[in-house]
C-alpha cells in the first residue's frame, strides 16, 4: 500500500473538488498539486491552515490514521497574536472547555521561531506587530480546535502549520510538494501444527480470528 505525504499550502481545500464556494470564485484544491488516481485524504486541514496532509488508496489505512479512536498525535506550529503567559499555557495543558465540551490536555511549549518559510501571502506586521510561536500537540481533531483553544485563552491564532501526524513528519517538503512512501503490511502469524496429543475423534479445534 502507498501513503502520500503532502504539504498543503495556505488557502487550499483539503479535497479534490470545490463544491462549497459561495461567491463563484474557484478555489485551489488538491487537484492543483497532485494527480494520483484513487487516493483520498486521511483527515483534513482547514482552508486557511497549512502543513502535513496524509493521503492513501487504502481505506483501512485512512481509517486508522483519521479515526479519533486511534488517537494519532498531531503536532502544530502555531503563530499567535501577542505573547502567551504561563497561565494561558497551563490552561491549554489542562484542557479547554469549548462549546462542544472539554478538550483533552495538550502538550504545549514556547518556540523561539516557527522555523518555517514565510507564508504566501505573509502576515502584515502593521496589523500584527507582536506575535509568538507555540508548539501544540493534540490527540483529537475537532473542527478548528487549535484556533478555538488559543482564542479561548486570549491569544488568537494567526498562522497554523501541521508538521507531524504520529510518526510521519512534514520534513523538508515545501508548500505544494509531496512524496510517496510504500508501507508493508505485517506478515500473518503462522498457525502452529496441531498437537499429536489431541488426536481423539471427540476433540474439536476452535478457530480464532487473527488480527
N, C-alpha and C. Protein backbone atom coordinates (compact mmCIF):
# COMPACT_ATOMS: atom_id res chain seq x y z
N UNK A 1 0.85 -1.19 0.00
CA UNK A 1 0.00 0.00 0.00
C UNK A 1 0.88 1.23 0.00
N UNK A 2 0.32 2.32 -0.49
CA UNK A 2 1.09 3.56 -0.60
C UNK A 2 0.48 4.66 0.27
N UNK A 3 1.36 5.47 0.83
CA UNK A 3 0.96 6.63 1.61
C UNK A 3 1.64 7.85 1.01
N UNK A 4 0.86 8.90 0.83
CA UNK A 4 1.38 10.13 0.23
C UNK A 4 1.42 11.22 1.29
N UNK A 5 2.58 11.82 1.48
CA UNK A 5 2.76 12.91 2.42
C UNK A 5 2.80 14.20 1.62
N UNK A 6 1.91 15.11 1.91
CA UNK A 6 1.74 16.31 1.09
C UNK A 6 1.74 17.54 1.99
N UNK A 7 2.40 18.59 1.53
CA UNK A 7 2.41 19.87 2.23
C UNK A 7 1.32 20.75 1.63
N UNK A 8 0.18 20.81 2.32
CA UNK A 8 -0.94 21.62 1.81
C UNK A 8 -0.63 23.10 2.01
N UNK A 9 -0.70 23.89 0.95
CA UNK A 9 -0.44 25.32 1.09
C UNK A 9 -1.60 26.06 1.77
N UNK A 10 -1.33 27.26 2.15
CA UNK A 10 -2.33 28.19 2.68
C UNK A 10 -3.38 28.45 1.59
N UNK A 11 -4.63 28.56 2.03
CA UNK A 11 -5.77 28.83 1.15
C UNK A 11 -5.89 27.79 0.03
N UNK A 12 -5.95 26.55 0.48
CA UNK A 12 -6.23 25.43 -0.42
C UNK A 12 -7.16 24.47 0.31
N UNK A 13 -8.15 23.93 -0.39
CA UNK A 13 -9.06 22.97 0.20
C UNK A 13 -8.38 21.60 0.34
N UNK A 14 -8.76 20.87 1.40
CA UNK A 14 -8.22 19.52 1.62
C UNK A 14 -9.07 18.49 0.90
N UNK A 15 -9.38 18.76 -0.35
CA UNK A 15 -10.20 17.87 -1.17
C UNK A 15 -9.86 18.15 -2.63
N UNK A 16 -10.39 17.28 -3.51
CA UNK A 16 -10.01 17.37 -4.91
C UNK A 16 -10.99 18.19 -5.75
N UNK A 17 -12.14 18.53 -5.19
CA UNK A 17 -13.10 19.36 -5.91
C UNK A 17 -13.61 20.45 -4.98
N UNK A 18 -14.11 21.52 -5.58
CA UNK A 18 -14.64 22.64 -4.81
C UNK A 18 -16.13 22.77 -5.13
N UNK A 19 -16.96 22.38 -4.17
CA UNK A 19 -18.41 22.47 -4.35
C UNK A 19 -19.05 23.45 -3.37
N UNK A 20 -18.23 24.13 -2.56
CA UNK A 20 -18.80 24.95 -1.50
C UNK A 20 -18.54 26.44 -1.68
N UNK A 21 -17.95 26.83 -2.79
CA UNK A 21 -17.70 28.25 -2.99
C UNK A 21 -18.99 29.05 -3.04
N UNK A 22 -19.07 30.13 -2.30
CA UNK A 22 -20.31 30.90 -2.23
C UNK A 22 -20.34 32.07 -3.18
N UNK A 23 -19.15 32.59 -3.55
CA UNK A 23 -19.14 33.77 -4.42
C UNK A 23 -18.82 33.43 -5.87
N UNK A 24 -18.74 32.13 -6.17
CA UNK A 24 -18.49 31.73 -7.55
C UNK A 24 -17.02 31.72 -7.94
N UNK A 25 -16.15 32.22 -7.06
CA UNK A 25 -14.72 32.24 -7.36
C UNK A 25 -14.11 30.87 -7.09
N UNK A 26 -13.48 30.25 -8.07
CA UNK A 26 -12.89 28.92 -7.84
C UNK A 26 -11.75 28.99 -6.83
N UNK A 27 -11.67 27.98 -6.00
CA UNK A 27 -10.60 27.89 -5.01
C UNK A 27 -9.66 26.75 -5.36
N UNK A 28 -8.42 26.88 -4.95
CA UNK A 28 -7.45 25.83 -5.20
C UNK A 28 -7.83 24.57 -4.42
N UNK A 29 -7.60 23.43 -5.03
CA UNK A 29 -7.85 22.14 -4.40
C UNK A 29 -6.60 21.27 -4.54
N UNK A 30 -6.66 20.08 -3.94
CA UNK A 30 -5.53 19.16 -4.03
C UNK A 30 -5.23 18.77 -5.48
N UNK A 31 -6.24 18.85 -6.33
CA UNK A 31 -6.03 18.51 -7.74
C UNK A 31 -5.04 19.45 -8.41
N UNK A 32 -4.80 20.62 -7.82
CA UNK A 32 -3.83 21.56 -8.38
C UNK A 32 -2.39 21.09 -8.19
N UNK A 33 -2.16 20.19 -7.22
CA UNK A 33 -0.77 19.85 -6.89
C UNK A 33 -0.45 18.36 -6.93
N UNK A 34 -1.46 17.48 -6.96
CA UNK A 34 -1.17 16.05 -7.01
C UNK A 34 -2.20 15.38 -7.91
N UNK A 35 -1.70 14.53 -8.80
CA UNK A 35 -2.57 13.83 -9.75
C UNK A 35 -2.27 12.33 -9.66
N UNK A 36 -2.85 11.70 -8.64
CA UNK A 36 -2.69 10.26 -8.44
C UNK A 36 -4.10 9.67 -8.32
N UNK A 37 -4.52 8.84 -9.24
CA UNK A 37 -5.89 8.31 -9.20
C UNK A 37 -6.14 7.46 -7.96
N UNK A 38 -7.34 7.59 -7.41
CA UNK A 38 -7.79 6.69 -6.36
C UNK A 38 -7.32 6.97 -4.96
N UNK A 39 -6.70 8.13 -4.72
CA UNK A 39 -6.26 8.44 -3.36
C UNK A 39 -7.21 9.44 -2.71
N UNK A 40 -7.26 9.36 -1.38
CA UNK A 40 -8.13 10.23 -0.60
C UNK A 40 -7.39 10.68 0.66
N UNK A 41 -7.70 11.88 1.15
CA UNK A 41 -7.02 12.35 2.36
C UNK A 41 -7.51 11.65 3.61
N UNK A 42 -6.58 11.41 4.53
CA UNK A 42 -6.91 10.87 5.85
C UNK A 42 -7.03 12.06 6.80
N UNK A 43 -8.25 12.54 6.98
CA UNK A 43 -8.45 13.76 7.76
C UNK A 43 -8.36 14.98 6.85
N UNK A 44 -8.24 16.13 7.49
CA UNK A 44 -8.25 17.35 6.70
C UNK A 44 -7.50 18.45 7.43
N UNK A 45 -7.24 19.51 6.69
CA UNK A 45 -6.75 20.77 7.24
C UNK A 45 -7.67 21.88 6.75
N UNK A 46 -7.89 22.88 7.59
CA UNK A 46 -8.75 23.98 7.18
C UNK A 46 -8.16 24.72 5.98
N UNK A 47 -9.02 25.40 5.27
CA UNK A 47 -8.64 26.17 4.09
C UNK A 47 -7.49 27.14 4.39
N UNK A 48 -7.53 27.77 5.58
CA UNK A 48 -6.51 28.75 5.93
C UNK A 48 -5.39 28.19 6.80
N UNK A 49 -5.29 26.86 6.89
CA UNK A 49 -4.19 26.22 7.60
C UNK A 49 -3.26 25.56 6.59
N UNK A 50 -2.06 25.24 7.06
CA UNK A 50 -1.04 24.69 6.17
C UNK A 50 -0.46 23.42 6.77
N UNK A 51 0.34 22.73 5.95
CA UNK A 51 1.15 21.66 6.50
C UNK A 51 0.79 20.27 6.04
N UNK A 52 1.13 19.30 6.89
CA UNK A 52 1.12 17.89 6.52
C UNK A 52 -0.30 17.36 6.36
N UNK A 53 -0.53 16.74 5.21
CA UNK A 53 -1.76 16.03 4.92
C UNK A 53 -1.36 14.65 4.40
N UNK A 54 -1.99 13.60 4.93
CA UNK A 54 -1.70 12.24 4.50
C UNK A 54 -2.82 11.75 3.59
N UNK A 55 -2.44 11.09 2.51
CA UNK A 55 -3.40 10.54 1.56
C UNK A 55 -3.02 9.10 1.23
N UNK A 56 -4.02 8.29 0.90
CA UNK A 56 -3.74 6.90 0.56
C UNK A 56 -4.83 6.36 -0.35
N UNK A 57 -4.51 5.21 -0.98
CA UNK A 57 -5.50 4.49 -1.76
C UNK A 57 -6.06 3.31 -0.98
N UNK A 58 -5.71 3.22 0.31
CA UNK A 58 -6.13 2.09 1.15
C UNK A 58 -7.11 2.58 2.21
N UNK A 59 -8.36 2.14 2.13
CA UNK A 59 -9.39 2.63 3.04
C UNK A 59 -9.13 2.30 4.49
N UNK A 60 -8.60 1.12 4.77
CA UNK A 60 -8.33 0.74 6.15
C UNK A 60 -7.24 1.62 6.75
N UNK A 61 -6.21 1.91 5.97
CA UNK A 61 -5.14 2.79 6.45
C UNK A 61 -5.68 4.19 6.72
N UNK A 62 -6.50 4.71 5.83
CA UNK A 62 -7.09 6.03 6.04
C UNK A 62 -7.89 6.05 7.34
N UNK A 63 -8.65 5.00 7.59
CA UNK A 63 -9.44 4.91 8.82
C UNK A 63 -8.56 4.92 10.05
N UNK A 64 -7.47 4.17 10.03
CA UNK A 64 -6.59 4.07 11.20
C UNK A 64 -5.88 5.39 11.47
N UNK A 65 -5.63 6.16 10.43
CA UNK A 65 -4.98 7.45 10.63
C UNK A 65 -5.97 8.50 11.12
N UNK A 66 -7.15 8.51 10.54
CA UNK A 66 -8.08 9.62 10.75
C UNK A 66 -9.04 9.43 11.92
N UNK A 67 -9.38 8.18 12.27
CA UNK A 67 -10.43 7.97 13.27
C UNK A 67 -9.94 8.38 14.66
N UNK A 68 -10.74 9.15 15.41
CA UNK A 68 -10.33 9.59 16.75
C UNK A 68 -10.01 8.45 17.71
N UNK A 69 -10.56 7.27 17.47
CA UNK A 69 -10.33 6.14 18.38
C UNK A 69 -8.85 5.77 18.46
N UNK A 70 -8.11 6.03 17.40
CA UNK A 70 -6.70 5.65 17.38
C UNK A 70 -5.79 6.74 17.94
N UNK A 71 -6.34 7.92 18.17
CA UNK A 71 -5.65 9.00 18.90
C UNK A 71 -4.25 9.29 18.35
N UNK A 72 -4.16 9.44 17.04
CA UNK A 72 -2.88 9.81 16.46
C UNK A 72 -2.51 11.22 16.91
N UNK A 73 -1.37 11.41 17.57
CA UNK A 73 -0.99 12.78 17.96
C UNK A 73 -0.68 13.63 16.74
N UNK A 74 -1.14 14.86 16.78
CA UNK A 74 -0.91 15.80 15.68
C UNK A 74 -0.14 16.99 16.23
N UNK A 75 0.97 17.32 15.59
CA UNK A 75 1.87 18.37 16.06
C UNK A 75 1.73 19.60 15.17
N UNK A 76 1.51 20.75 15.80
CA UNK A 76 1.32 22.00 15.08
C UNK A 76 2.33 23.04 15.56
N UNK A 77 2.78 23.87 14.63
CA UNK A 77 3.47 25.10 14.99
C UNK A 77 2.48 26.23 14.76
N UNK A 78 2.29 27.02 15.81
CA UNK A 78 1.18 27.96 15.83
C UNK A 78 1.72 29.37 16.13
N UNK A 79 1.48 30.28 15.23
CA UNK A 79 1.83 31.68 15.45
C UNK A 79 0.61 32.40 15.99
N UNK A 80 0.74 32.99 17.16
CA UNK A 80 -0.40 33.62 17.82
C UNK A 80 -0.17 35.11 18.00
N UNK A 81 -1.26 35.81 18.18
CA UNK A 81 -1.21 37.24 18.48
C UNK A 81 -0.76 37.43 19.91
N UNK A 82 0.30 38.24 20.12
CA UNK A 82 0.78 38.50 21.47
C UNK A 82 1.74 37.43 21.96
N UNK A 83 2.02 37.48 23.26
CA UNK A 83 2.94 36.54 23.89
C UNK A 83 2.20 35.87 25.05
N UNK A 84 1.79 34.62 24.89
CA UNK A 84 1.03 33.95 25.95
C UNK A 84 1.80 33.86 27.26
N UNK A 85 1.09 34.11 28.35
CA UNK A 85 1.72 33.99 29.67
C UNK A 85 1.63 32.54 30.15
N UNK A 86 2.24 32.28 31.30
CA UNK A 86 2.27 30.92 31.84
C UNK A 86 0.87 30.38 32.13
N UNK A 87 -0.01 31.26 32.60
CA UNK A 87 -1.36 30.82 32.92
C UNK A 87 -2.10 30.33 31.68
N UNK A 88 -1.90 31.00 30.56
CA UNK A 88 -2.56 30.59 29.32
C UNK A 88 -2.03 29.24 28.85
N UNK A 89 -0.72 29.05 28.93
CA UNK A 89 -0.15 27.77 28.51
C UNK A 89 -0.61 26.64 29.41
N UNK A 90 -0.70 26.90 30.70
CA UNK A 90 -1.15 25.86 31.62
C UNK A 90 -2.61 25.50 31.38
N UNK A 91 -3.41 26.48 31.02
CA UNK A 91 -4.81 26.19 30.70
C UNK A 91 -4.92 25.27 29.49
N UNK A 92 -4.09 25.50 28.49
CA UNK A 92 -4.09 24.63 27.32
C UNK A 92 -3.66 23.21 27.70
N UNK A 93 -2.71 23.13 28.60
CA UNK A 93 -2.22 21.80 29.03
C UNK A 93 -3.26 21.05 29.84
N UNK A 94 -4.10 21.76 30.56
CA UNK A 94 -5.10 21.11 31.41
C UNK A 94 -6.35 20.73 30.62
N UNK A 95 -6.60 21.43 29.52
CA UNK A 95 -7.83 21.20 28.75
C UNK A 95 -8.71 22.43 28.79
N UNK A 96 -9.29 22.76 27.65
CA UNK A 96 -10.12 23.95 27.50
C UNK A 96 -11.57 23.53 27.28
N UNK A 97 -12.49 24.21 27.98
CA UNK A 97 -13.90 23.92 27.79
C UNK A 97 -14.43 24.76 26.64
N UNK A 98 -14.69 24.10 25.50
CA UNK A 98 -15.24 24.75 24.33
C UNK A 98 -16.74 24.47 24.24
N UNK A 99 -17.39 24.99 23.23
CA UNK A 99 -18.83 24.77 23.10
C UNK A 99 -19.18 23.31 22.94
N UNK A 100 -18.25 22.53 22.37
CA UNK A 100 -18.51 21.10 22.19
C UNK A 100 -17.83 20.24 23.26
N UNK A 101 -17.50 20.86 24.40
CA UNK A 101 -17.01 20.09 25.53
C UNK A 101 -15.54 20.35 25.85
N UNK A 102 -15.08 19.65 26.87
CA UNK A 102 -13.71 19.80 27.36
C UNK A 102 -12.73 19.09 26.43
N UNK A 103 -11.68 19.80 26.04
CA UNK A 103 -10.65 19.19 25.21
C UNK A 103 -9.74 18.32 26.07
N UNK A 104 -9.10 17.36 25.42
CA UNK A 104 -8.08 16.59 26.11
C UNK A 104 -6.88 17.49 26.39
N UNK A 105 -6.11 17.21 27.43
CA UNK A 105 -4.91 18.01 27.69
C UNK A 105 -3.98 18.01 26.47
N UNK A 106 -3.42 19.17 26.18
CA UNK A 106 -2.48 19.32 25.07
C UNK A 106 -1.06 19.45 25.61
N UNK A 107 -0.11 19.06 24.80
CA UNK A 107 1.28 19.34 25.11
C UNK A 107 1.65 20.66 24.43
N UNK A 108 2.16 21.59 25.20
CA UNK A 108 2.40 22.94 24.70
C UNK A 108 3.76 23.43 25.16
N UNK A 109 4.50 24.05 24.25
CA UNK A 109 5.74 24.71 24.65
C UNK A 109 5.98 25.92 23.76
N UNK A 110 6.74 26.87 24.29
CA UNK A 110 7.11 28.05 23.51
C UNK A 110 8.23 27.70 22.53
N UNK A 111 8.23 28.40 21.39
CA UNK A 111 9.29 28.27 20.40
C UNK A 111 9.91 29.64 20.14
N UNK A 112 11.20 29.64 19.86
CA UNK A 112 11.85 30.91 19.51
C UNK A 112 11.36 31.42 18.16
N UNK A 113 11.07 30.48 17.26
CA UNK A 113 10.53 30.85 15.95
C UNK A 113 9.81 29.63 15.40
N UNK A 114 9.08 29.83 14.30
CA UNK A 114 8.39 28.70 13.70
C UNK A 114 9.31 27.78 12.95
N UNK A 115 10.49 28.31 12.53
CA UNK A 115 11.41 27.52 11.75
C UNK A 115 10.85 27.14 10.39
N UNK A 116 9.99 27.99 9.84
CA UNK A 116 9.30 27.71 8.59
C UNK A 116 9.50 28.84 7.60
N UNK A 117 9.43 28.54 6.30
CA UNK A 117 9.46 29.62 5.32
C UNK A 117 8.27 30.56 5.52
N UNK A 118 8.43 31.78 5.07
CA UNK A 118 7.36 32.76 5.20
C UNK A 118 6.15 32.32 4.39
N UNK A 119 4.98 32.59 4.93
CA UNK A 119 3.75 32.23 4.24
C UNK A 119 3.53 33.12 3.03
N UNK A 120 2.82 32.60 2.05
CA UNK A 120 2.46 33.39 0.87
C UNK A 120 0.93 33.48 0.78
N UNK A 121 0.35 34.68 1.01
CA UNK A 121 0.98 35.94 1.36
C UNK A 121 1.39 35.98 2.84
N UNK A 122 2.39 36.79 3.19
CA UNK A 122 2.84 36.85 4.58
C UNK A 122 1.87 37.63 5.46
N UNK A 123 2.04 37.46 6.76
CA UNK A 123 1.28 38.28 7.71
C UNK A 123 1.69 39.75 7.57
N UNK A 124 0.75 40.62 7.82
CA UNK A 124 1.02 42.05 7.77
C UNK A 124 1.57 42.51 9.13
N UNK A 125 2.85 42.90 9.22
CA UNK A 125 3.42 43.29 10.52
C UNK A 125 2.78 44.54 11.12
N UNK A 126 2.16 45.37 10.28
CA UNK A 126 1.50 46.55 10.82
C UNK A 126 0.22 46.16 11.57
N UNK A 127 -0.47 45.14 11.07
CA UNK A 127 -1.68 44.67 11.73
C UNK A 127 -1.36 43.78 12.93
N UNK A 128 -0.22 43.08 12.86
CA UNK A 128 0.16 42.13 13.91
C UNK A 128 1.60 42.39 14.32
N UNK A 129 1.83 43.47 15.06
CA UNK A 129 3.23 43.83 15.40
C UNK A 129 3.89 42.89 16.40
N UNK A 130 3.10 42.25 17.27
CA UNK A 130 3.68 41.37 18.29
C UNK A 130 3.06 39.98 18.15
N UNK A 131 3.89 39.03 17.79
CA UNK A 131 3.43 37.65 17.66
C UNK A 131 4.45 36.72 18.32
N UNK A 132 4.05 35.48 18.53
CA UNK A 132 4.96 34.48 19.09
C UNK A 132 4.54 33.11 18.59
N UNK A 133 5.44 32.15 18.74
CA UNK A 133 5.22 30.81 18.23
C UNK A 133 5.09 29.80 19.37
N UNK A 134 4.19 28.85 19.18
CA UNK A 134 4.00 27.74 20.11
C UNK A 134 4.05 26.43 19.34
N UNK A 135 4.46 25.39 20.03
CA UNK A 135 4.24 24.04 19.52
C UNK A 135 3.11 23.43 20.33
N UNK A 136 2.08 22.96 19.65
CA UNK A 136 0.92 22.38 20.31
C UNK A 136 0.68 20.99 19.74
N UNK A 137 0.58 20.00 20.62
CA UNK A 137 0.33 18.63 20.22
C UNK A 137 -1.00 18.18 20.82
N UNK A 138 -1.91 17.75 19.96
CA UNK A 138 -3.21 17.27 20.43
C UNK A 138 -3.45 15.87 19.87
N UNK A 139 -4.38 15.15 20.49
CA UNK A 139 -4.68 13.79 20.04
C UNK A 139 -6.15 13.63 19.69
N UNK A 140 -6.78 14.72 19.31
CA UNK A 140 -8.16 14.69 18.83
C UNK A 140 -8.25 15.69 17.68
N UNK A 141 -9.37 15.68 16.97
CA UNK A 141 -9.44 16.51 15.78
C UNK A 141 -10.77 17.20 15.61
N UNK A 142 -11.16 18.00 16.58
CA UNK A 142 -12.39 18.77 16.43
C UNK A 142 -12.21 19.88 15.40
N UNK A 143 -13.32 20.38 14.92
CA UNK A 143 -13.28 21.43 13.91
C UNK A 143 -12.57 22.68 14.44
N UNK A 144 -11.52 23.09 13.74
CA UNK A 144 -10.75 24.29 14.08
C UNK A 144 -10.34 24.30 15.56
N UNK A 145 -9.97 23.17 16.07
CA UNK A 145 -9.75 23.02 17.51
C UNK A 145 -8.62 23.90 18.04
N UNK A 146 -7.45 23.85 17.40
CA UNK A 146 -6.32 24.63 17.92
C UNK A 146 -6.64 26.11 17.89
N UNK A 147 -7.27 26.58 16.84
CA UNK A 147 -7.62 28.00 16.75
C UNK A 147 -8.59 28.39 17.87
N UNK A 148 -9.55 27.54 18.13
CA UNK A 148 -10.51 27.85 19.19
C UNK A 148 -9.86 27.81 20.56
N UNK A 149 -8.91 26.90 20.75
CA UNK A 149 -8.23 26.80 22.04
C UNK A 149 -7.40 28.05 22.33
N UNK A 150 -6.61 28.50 21.36
CA UNK A 150 -5.77 29.67 21.63
C UNK A 150 -6.61 30.94 21.77
N UNK A 151 -7.70 31.04 20.99
CA UNK A 151 -8.58 32.20 21.13
C UNK A 151 -9.23 32.21 22.51
N UNK A 152 -9.57 31.04 23.02
CA UNK A 152 -10.22 30.94 24.32
C UNK A 152 -9.34 31.50 25.44
N UNK A 153 -8.03 31.32 25.33
CA UNK A 153 -7.13 31.81 26.38
C UNK A 153 -6.60 33.21 26.05
N UNK A 154 -7.14 33.83 25.00
CA UNK A 154 -6.83 35.23 24.73
C UNK A 154 -5.73 35.50 23.73
N UNK A 155 -5.30 34.48 22.98
CA UNK A 155 -4.21 34.67 22.02
C UNK A 155 -4.60 34.03 20.68
N UNK A 156 -5.31 34.78 19.84
CA UNK A 156 -5.81 34.21 18.59
C UNK A 156 -4.70 33.68 17.69
N UNK A 157 -5.00 32.60 17.00
CA UNK A 157 -4.05 32.02 16.05
C UNK A 157 -4.03 32.84 14.76
N UNK A 158 -2.83 33.18 14.32
CA UNK A 158 -2.65 33.90 13.06
C UNK A 158 -2.17 32.99 11.95
N UNK A 159 -1.38 31.99 12.31
CA UNK A 159 -0.87 31.04 11.33
C UNK A 159 -0.76 29.68 12.00
N UNK A 160 -1.21 28.64 11.30
CA UNK A 160 -1.20 27.29 11.85
C UNK A 160 -0.64 26.33 10.81
N UNK A 161 0.42 25.61 11.21
CA UNK A 161 1.09 24.68 10.30
C UNK A 161 1.22 23.33 11.00
N UNK A 162 0.65 22.29 10.42
CA UNK A 162 0.80 20.95 10.99
C UNK A 162 2.11 20.35 10.46
N UNK A 163 2.96 19.93 11.39
CA UNK A 163 4.28 19.43 11.00
C UNK A 163 4.42 17.93 11.21
N UNK A 164 3.47 17.29 11.90
CA UNK A 164 3.57 15.84 12.10
C UNK A 164 2.21 15.25 12.42
N UNK A 165 2.01 14.02 11.97
CA UNK A 165 0.87 13.19 12.36
C UNK A 165 1.45 11.86 12.80
N UNK A 166 1.37 11.56 14.08
CA UNK A 166 2.03 10.37 14.59
C UNK A 166 3.51 10.45 14.31
N UNK A 167 4.07 9.42 13.67
CA UNK A 167 5.50 9.40 13.35
C UNK A 167 5.81 9.98 11.98
N UNK A 168 4.77 10.39 11.22
CA UNK A 168 5.01 10.96 9.90
C UNK A 168 5.30 12.45 10.03
N UNK A 169 6.39 12.88 9.42
CA UNK A 169 6.87 14.25 9.56
C UNK A 169 6.75 15.01 8.23
N UNK A 170 6.47 16.30 8.35
CA UNK A 170 6.47 17.15 7.16
C UNK A 170 7.86 17.22 6.54
N UNK A 171 8.88 17.25 7.40
CA UNK A 171 10.26 17.26 6.92
C UNK A 171 10.54 18.47 6.05
N UNK A 172 11.25 18.21 4.95
CA UNK A 172 11.67 19.31 4.08
C UNK A 172 10.73 19.60 2.94
N UNK A 173 9.51 19.07 2.98
CA UNK A 173 8.56 19.34 1.91
C UNK A 173 8.18 20.82 1.89
N UNK A 174 8.34 21.45 0.74
CA UNK A 174 7.89 22.83 0.58
C UNK A 174 6.39 22.83 0.28
N UNK A 175 5.76 23.97 0.46
CA UNK A 175 4.32 24.07 0.20
C UNK A 175 4.03 23.64 -1.24
N UNK A 176 3.07 22.71 -1.38
CA UNK A 176 2.70 22.19 -2.68
C UNK A 176 3.47 20.97 -3.11
N UNK A 177 4.49 20.55 -2.34
CA UNK A 177 5.25 19.35 -2.67
C UNK A 177 4.69 18.13 -1.96
N UNK A 178 5.01 16.93 -2.49
CA UNK A 178 4.57 15.69 -1.87
C UNK A 178 5.58 14.60 -2.16
N UNK A 179 5.51 13.54 -1.34
CA UNK A 179 6.35 12.37 -1.57
C UNK A 179 5.54 11.11 -1.24
N UNK A 180 5.98 9.99 -1.79
CA UNK A 180 5.26 8.73 -1.60
C UNK A 180 6.10 7.77 -0.76
N UNK A 181 5.42 7.10 0.17
CA UNK A 181 6.04 6.04 0.94
C UNK A 181 5.29 4.74 0.68
N UNK A 182 6.04 3.65 0.61
CA UNK A 182 5.44 2.33 0.47
C UNK A 182 5.40 1.67 1.84
N UNK A 183 4.22 1.29 2.29
CA UNK A 183 4.05 0.65 3.58
C UNK A 183 3.82 -0.84 3.36
N UNK A 184 4.44 -1.65 4.18
CA UNK A 184 4.30 -3.09 4.08
C UNK A 184 3.44 -3.60 5.22
N UNK A 185 2.39 -4.32 4.90
CA UNK A 185 1.52 -4.90 5.93
C UNK A 185 2.30 -5.95 6.71
N UNK A 186 2.06 -6.07 8.02
CA UNK A 186 2.76 -7.07 8.81
C UNK A 186 2.44 -8.47 8.32
N UNK A 187 3.46 -9.32 8.36
CA UNK A 187 3.26 -10.71 7.93
C UNK A 187 2.27 -11.41 8.85
N UNK A 188 1.43 -12.29 8.26
CA UNK A 188 0.46 -13.01 9.05
C UNK A 188 1.15 -14.05 9.93
N UNK A 189 0.63 -14.21 11.13
CA UNK A 189 1.19 -15.19 12.05
C UNK A 189 0.85 -16.59 11.55
N UNK A 190 1.88 -17.44 11.49
CA UNK A 190 1.66 -18.81 11.03
C UNK A 190 1.03 -19.64 12.14
N UNK A 191 -0.01 -20.38 11.78
CA UNK A 191 -0.67 -21.23 12.77
C UNK A 191 0.21 -22.44 13.08
N UNK A 192 0.34 -22.75 14.35
CA UNK A 192 1.13 -23.91 14.75
C UNK A 192 0.42 -25.19 14.34
N UNK A 193 1.18 -26.23 13.98
CA UNK A 193 0.53 -27.50 13.63
C UNK A 193 -0.16 -28.09 14.84
N UNK A 194 -1.27 -28.84 14.65
CA UNK A 194 -1.99 -29.40 15.79
C UNK A 194 -1.13 -30.38 16.56
N UNK A 195 -1.35 -30.40 17.87
CA UNK A 195 -0.59 -31.31 18.73
C UNK A 195 -1.02 -32.74 18.48
N UNK A 196 -0.05 -33.64 18.50
CA UNK A 196 -0.35 -35.06 18.29
C UNK A 196 -1.19 -35.61 19.44
N UNK A 197 -1.12 -34.99 20.60
CA UNK A 197 -1.88 -35.49 21.75
C UNK A 197 -3.36 -35.23 21.60
N UNK A 198 -3.76 -34.36 20.69
CA UNK A 198 -5.18 -34.03 20.51
C UNK A 198 -5.76 -34.79 19.33
N UNK A 199 -5.45 -36.07 19.26
CA UNK A 199 -5.89 -36.87 18.12
C UNK A 199 -7.19 -37.62 18.37
N UNK A 200 -7.81 -37.41 19.54
CA UNK A 200 -9.07 -38.08 19.83
C UNK A 200 -10.16 -37.58 18.91
N UNK A 201 -11.02 -38.49 18.39
CA UNK A 201 -12.10 -38.05 17.48
C UNK A 201 -13.05 -37.06 18.13
N UNK A 202 -13.13 -37.08 19.49
CA UNK A 202 -14.07 -36.20 20.17
C UNK A 202 -13.50 -34.79 20.36
N UNK A 203 -12.18 -34.64 20.13
CA UNK A 203 -11.58 -33.32 20.34
C UNK A 203 -11.93 -32.40 19.19
N UNK A 204 -12.25 -31.13 19.47
CA UNK A 204 -12.55 -30.15 18.44
C UNK A 204 -11.60 -29.00 18.56
N UNK A 205 -11.33 -28.34 17.46
CA UNK A 205 -10.46 -27.17 17.47
C UNK A 205 -11.30 -25.93 17.29
N UNK A 206 -10.92 -24.87 18.03
CA UNK A 206 -11.64 -23.60 17.93
C UNK A 206 -10.86 -22.68 17.02
N UNK A 207 -11.55 -22.06 16.08
CA UNK A 207 -10.91 -21.13 15.15
C UNK A 207 -11.04 -19.72 15.70
N UNK A 208 -9.92 -19.03 15.79
CA UNK A 208 -9.94 -17.66 16.25
C UNK A 208 -9.56 -16.76 15.11
N UNK A 209 -10.20 -15.63 15.08
CA UNK A 209 -9.87 -14.64 14.06
C UNK A 209 -8.53 -14.01 14.38
N UNK A 210 -7.63 -14.10 13.43
CA UNK A 210 -6.35 -13.46 13.64
C UNK A 210 -6.47 -12.00 13.29
N UNK A 211 -5.78 -11.13 14.06
CA UNK A 211 -5.87 -9.71 13.73
C UNK A 211 -5.21 -9.41 12.40
